[in-house]
Amino acid sequence: MRRGTRPWPTCKPVFTKLSETVTKTIDISHEPDLGYVFYPATAENNFGGTRFDVILHEQPTQRHYDPENVQATIARQNGTETLHLYYTTPSGQYRVCPGRIVLTDRVGKQVVAFCFGGDLHVIHQPPETICVFQSPVPMLDMTTYHSTDMLFANEVEILIAQRRAAWDPQHPHHFEQHMAQIDPALLYAACLDALATKFAAMPHGSDPTRRQFVHLLREEMKSWQQNGRWPLAIPRLTDLL
């Protein structure tokens, strides 16, 4: 473990069966006949929405993108694990670690989202299994190239990779264990702050995506400050990770 690492709260229970009460609190009545749904950003969020649903069908509908498998990193008692979800996966609840959520269909086509951490509720209701990813901060849609979401996710992955390299390379699982316990809102705020500083010192040239991204960074930070969500002290990534 990296010396001087600040202790963080223990993560939520790594897996629990969903009770009927918990299932009813998750609104899935609106689920369209689609393979996945990125919820839109709210007035308080300038990037993506805070919920991402994946619908796994018993049989491919062949009317749209039909994911067969969902891959995400989840927290376990002694570390992390790559979880693969299928239509046959039973109902349950998991703690999702920061990183990519990858959907794959029967021909190998993938859809990718980036999550700063959150919860996953799996609801098995034949003939569908609905995977509901929820986070206190936006989830980024990485399916569209040259988009602000894609640029944001790529930049965050670079920041995380740089911090991972600062840890003991002989024990990479220590970094993953630490990541699993980070508050998603703190990680999100720290990344916003780090990227705002980075891009303020860079020329944007004629790249419209980069200019729009910098604008959204500033607007997001301003929105969080106005709504009282911005932490009183922003941790540096070197302290957080």
Protein backbone atom coordinates (compact mmCIF):
# COMPACT_ATOMS: atom_id res chain seq x y z
CA MET A 1 0.00 0.00 0.00
CA ARG A 2 1.20 3.52 -0.77
CA ARG A 3 2.56 5.17 2.34
CA GLY A 4 0.55 8.05 3.73
CA THR A 5 -2.71 6.74 2.30
CA ARG A 6 -5.71 8.16 4.10
CA PRO A 7 -8.13 5.55 5.45
CA TRP A 8 -11.56 5.62 3.84
CA PRO A 9 -14.91 4.23 4.99
CA THR A 10 -15.61 0.57 4.43
CA CYS A 11 -17.57 -0.01 1.26
CA LYS A 12 -21.21 -1.03 1.27
CA PRO A 13 -22.21 -4.71 1.49
CA VAL A 14 -20.72 -6.39 -1.57
CA PHE A 15 -23.77 -8.47 -2.39
CA THR A 16 -27.27 -8.79 -1.06
CA LYS A 17 -30.41 -10.39 -2.35
CA LEU A 18 -33.03 -7.85 -3.32
CA SER A 19 -36.07 -7.81 -1.09
CA GLU A 20 -39.50 -7.14 -2.57
CA THR A 21 -39.49 -3.71 -0.88
CA VAL A 22 -36.16 -2.71 -2.46
CA THR A 23 -37.30 -3.94 -5.88
CA LYS A 24 -40.43 -1.79 -5.71
CA THR A 25 -38.39 1.36 -4.99
CA ILE A 26 -36.65 1.04 -8.36
CA ASP A 27 -38.98 2.27 -11.07
CA ILE A 28 -38.68 0.01 -14.10
CA SER A 29 -42.24 0.51 -15.35
CA HIS A 30 -41.03 2.84 -18.10
CA GLU A 31 -38.42 0.44 -19.53
CA PRO A 32 -38.64 0.66 -23.32
CA ASP A 33 -38.07 -2.25 -25.64
CA LEU A 34 -34.38 -1.46 -25.93
CA GLY A 35 -31.11 -3.05 -24.91
CA TYR A 36 -29.89 -0.16 -22.74
CA VAL A 37 -30.88 3.31 -21.58
CA PHE A 38 -28.64 6.24 -20.63
CA TYR A 39 -30.76 8.53 -18.48
CA PRO A 40 -30.50 12.19 -19.52
CA ALA A 41 -28.63 14.75 -17.50
CA THR A 42 -30.69 16.79 -15.06
CA ALA A 43 -30.61 20.56 -14.64
CA GLU A 44 -27.96 20.05 -11.94
CA ASN A 45 -25.67 17.93 -14.12
CA ASN A 46 -23.92 19.18 -17.24
CA PHE A 47 -22.66 15.74 -18.21
CA GLY A 48 -24.58 12.45 -18.19
CA GLY A 49 -27.42 11.26 -16.03
CA THR A 50 -26.89 9.32 -12.82
CA ARG A 51 -28.65 6.13 -13.92
CA PHE A 52 -27.87 3.60 -16.66
CA ASP A 53 -30.09 0.59 -17.32
CA VAL A 54 -29.27 -2.55 -19.28
CA ILE A 55 -32.05 -4.92 -20.38
CA LEU A 56 -31.03 -8.52 -20.99
CA HIS A 57 -33.65 -10.51 -22.91
CA GLU A 58 -34.15 -14.24 -22.75
CA GLN A 59 -34.00 -14.30 -26.55
CA PRO A 60 -32.56 -11.59 -28.84
CA THR A 61 -35.29 -9.28 -30.09
CA GLN A 62 -33.34 -8.55 -33.30
CA ARG A 63 -35.08 -5.15 -33.33
CA HIS A 64 -32.25 -3.20 -31.70
CA TYR A 65 -28.94 -3.66 -29.90
CA ASP A 66 -29.35 -6.83 -27.81
CA PRO A 67 -26.69 -7.14 -25.08
CA GLU A 68 -26.02 -10.70 -23.95
CA ASN A 69 -23.38 -9.90 -21.35
CA VAL A 70 -22.62 -7.00 -19.02
CA GLN A 71 -19.19 -6.66 -17.44
CA ALA A 72 -18.41 -4.42 -14.47
CA THR A 73 -15.93 -4.33 -11.59
CA ILE A 74 -17.55 -4.84 -8.19
CA ALA A 75 -16.33 -4.74 -4.61
CA ARG A 76 -15.82 -7.93 -2.62
CA GLN A 77 -14.90 -8.35 1.02
CA ASN A 78 -11.18 -8.74 0.25
CA GLY A 79 -10.84 -6.85 -2.99
CA THR A 80 -12.58 -6.51 -6.32
CA GLU A 81 -13.94 -8.83 -8.96
CA THR A 82 -14.95 -8.60 -12.60
CA LEU A 83 -18.63 -9.48 -12.66
CA HIS A 84 -20.32 -10.89 -15.77
CA LEU A 85 -24.09 -10.55 -15.91
CA TYR A 86 -26.38 -12.62 -18.13
CA TYR A 87 -30.12 -13.07 -18.50
CA THR A 88 -29.91 -15.97 -16.04
CA THR A 89 -28.23 -13.88 -13.31
CA PRO A 90 -30.44 -13.88 -10.19
CA SER A 91 -31.69 -10.69 -8.55
CA GLY A 92 -29.18 -9.02 -6.24
CA GLN A 93 -27.38 -5.83 -5.30
CA TYR A 94 -23.70 -4.97 -5.73
CA ARG A 95 -21.27 -2.12 -5.07
CA VAL A 96 -19.79 -0.97 -8.41
CA CYS A 97 -16.19 0.26 -8.50
CA PRO A 98 -14.96 3.17 -10.62
CA GLY A 99 -14.29 2.11 -14.20
CA ARG A 100 -15.93 0.88 -17.35
CA ILE A 101 -19.22 -0.93 -17.74
CA VAL A 102 -19.02 -2.99 -20.93
CA LEU A 103 -21.99 -4.45 -22.80
CA THR A 104 -21.41 -7.12 -25.47
CA ASP A 105 -23.97 -8.59 -27.88
CA ARG A 106 -24.02 -11.95 -29.64
CA VAL A 107 -21.82 -10.71 -32.53
CA GLY A 108 -19.24 -9.03 -30.29
CA LYS A 109 -20.40 -5.43 -30.69
CA GLN A 110 -19.78 -3.43 -27.53
CA VAL A 111 -21.33 -0.44 -25.77
CA VAL A 112 -19.27 1.20 -23.02
CA ALA A 113 -20.13 3.48 -20.11
CA PHE A 114 -17.87 4.96 -17.46
CA CYS A 115 -18.94 4.98 -13.82
CA PHE A 116 -17.27 6.82 -10.90
CA GLY A 117 -18.68 4.21 -8.54
CA GLY A 118 -22.17 3.42 -7.32
CA ASP A 119 -24.71 0.65 -6.92
CA LEU A 120 -26.00 -2.08 -9.20
CA HIS A 121 -29.43 -3.64 -8.77
CA VAL A 122 -30.10 -6.77 -10.80
CA ILE A 123 -33.81 -7.51 -11.20
CA HIS A 124 -34.58 -10.89 -12.74
CA GLN A 125 -38.14 -10.79 -14.05
CA PRO A 126 -38.59 -13.24 -16.95
CA PRO A 127 -38.53 -12.75 -19.85
CA GLU A 128 -36.07 -9.97 -18.95
CA THR A 129 -33.28 -9.23 -16.51
CA ILE A 130 -32.83 -5.53 -15.83
CA CYS A 131 -29.48 -4.23 -14.56
CA VAL A 132 -29.90 -0.81 -12.94
CA PHE A 133 -26.66 1.13 -12.39
CA GLN A 134 -27.06 4.16 -10.11
CA SER A 135 -24.50 6.70 -8.93
CA PRO A 136 -24.58 10.04 -7.07
CA VAL A 137 -22.66 11.53 -10.00
CA PRO A 138 -22.98 11.33 -13.79
CA MET A 139 -22.28 8.18 -15.77
CA LEU A 140 -20.50 8.85 -19.04
CA ASP A 141 -21.58 7.47 -22.40
CA MET A 142 -18.46 6.28 -24.24
CA THR A 143 -20.30 5.06 -27.34
CA THR A 144 -19.94 8.29 -29.34
CA TYR A 145 -16.47 9.20 -30.55
CA HIS A 146 -15.34 12.83 -30.34
CA SER A 147 -18.01 13.62 -27.73
CA THR A 148 -17.52 15.51 -24.46
CA ASP A 149 -18.48 12.38 -22.50
CA MET A 150 -15.87 10.32 -24.32
CA LEU A 151 -13.21 13.00 -23.78
CA PHE A 152 -14.13 13.28 -20.08
CA ALA A 153 -13.97 9.50 -19.54
CA ASN A 154 -10.66 9.17 -21.37
CA GLU A 155 -9.12 11.98 -19.32
CA VAL A 156 -10.33 10.42 -16.06
CA GLU A 157 -8.87 7.06 -17.09
CA ILE A 158 -5.53 8.77 -17.68
CA LEU A 159 -5.67 10.35 -14.21
CA ILE A 160 -6.47 7.00 -12.61
CA ALA A 161 -3.72 5.23 -14.56
CA GLN A 162 -1.19 7.82 -13.37
CA ARG A 163 -2.22 7.26 -9.77
CA ARG A 164 -2.17 3.47 -10.18
CA ALA A 165 1.44 3.72 -11.37
CA ALA A 166 2.39 5.41 -8.07
CA TRP A 167 1.41 2.33 -6.07
CA ASP A 168 3.47 -0.81 -5.47
CA PRO A 169 3.55 -2.56 -8.89
CA GLN A 170 4.04 -5.95 -7.20
CA HIS A 171 0.69 -5.61 -5.42
CA PRO A 172 -1.68 -3.99 -7.96
CA HIS A 173 -4.72 -5.37 -6.12
CA HIS A 174 -4.00 -2.94 -3.25
CA PHE A 175 -4.85 0.00 -5.51
CA GLU A 176 -8.05 -1.69 -6.73
CA GLN A 177 -9.11 -2.39 -3.13
CA HIS A 178 -8.53 1.25 -2.27
CA MET A 179 -10.45 2.47 -5.34
CA ALA A 180 -13.43 0.33 -4.34
CA GLN A 181 -13.84 2.34 -1.13
CA ILE A 182 -13.62 5.85 -2.54
CA ASP A 183 -16.71 8.04 -2.29
CA PRO A 184 -17.87 8.55 -5.93
CA ALA A 185 -18.74 12.19 -5.25
CA LEU A 186 -15.25 12.91 -3.88
CA LEU A 187 -13.61 11.16 -6.82
CA TYR A 188 -15.79 13.07 -9.28
CA ALA A 189 -15.05 16.45 -7.66
CA ALA A 190 -11.32 15.72 -7.51
CA CYS A 191 -11.29 14.78 -11.19
CA LEU A 192 -13.24 17.92 -12.16
CA ASP A 193 -10.78 20.05 -10.23
CA ALA A 194 -7.70 18.31 -11.67
CA LEU A 195 -8.98 18.52 -15.25
CA ALA A 196 -10.04 22.16 -14.92
CA THR A 197 -6.50 22.99 -13.83
CA LYS A 198 -4.98 20.90 -16.61
CA PHE A 199 -7.09 22.34 -19.44
CA ALA A 200 -6.78 25.92 -18.21
CA ALA A 201 -3.10 25.72 -19.11
CA MET A 202 -3.69 24.18 -22.55
CA PRO A 203 -4.57 25.92 -25.83
CA HIS A 204 -7.88 24.67 -27.24
CA GLY A 205 -7.28 25.71 -30.81
CA SER A 206 -10.09 24.97 -33.23
CA ASP A 207 -11.25 21.75 -31.55
CA PRO A 208 -14.97 22.32 -30.80
CA THR A 209 -15.25 19.23 -28.59
CA ARG A 210 -12.36 20.38 -26.40
CA ARG A 211 -13.80 23.91 -26.11
CA GLN A 212 -17.22 22.52 -25.21
CA PHE A 213 -15.66 20.16 -22.66
CA VAL A 214 -13.82 22.98 -20.89
CA HIS A 215 -17.03 25.01 -20.83
CA LEU A 216 -18.97 22.08 -19.30
CA LEU A 217 -16.24 21.53 -16.70
CA ARG A 218 -16.60 25.11 -15.51
CA GLU A 219 -20.40 24.96 -15.58
CA GLU A 220 -20.43 21.68 -13.66
CA MET A 221 -18.19 23.04 -10.92
CA LYS A 222 -20.29 26.21 -10.72
CA SER A 223 -23.51 24.17 -10.52
CA TRP A 224 -22.16 22.01 -7.69
CA GLN A 225 -21.04 25.10 -5.78
CA GLN A 226 -24.40 26.82 -6.19
CA ASN A 227 -26.32 23.71 -5.09
CA GLY A 228 -24.12 23.10 -2.06
CA ARG A 229 -22.72 19.83 -3.40
CA TRP A 230 -19.15 21.01 -3.85
CA PRO A 231 -16.94 19.69 -1.00
CA LEU A 232 -15.57 22.30 1.39
CA ALA A 233 -12.08 20.90 0.77
CA ILE A 234 -11.32 19.28 -2.57
CA PRO A 235 -8.88 16.41 -2.07
CA ARG A 236 -6.00 16.24 -4.50
CA LEU A 237 -5.93 13.03 -6.49
CA THR A 238 -2.49 12.34 -5.02
CA ASP A 239 -4.15 12.28 -1.58
CA LEU A 240 -7.36 10.55 -2.63
CA LEU A 241 -5.73 7.78 -4.67
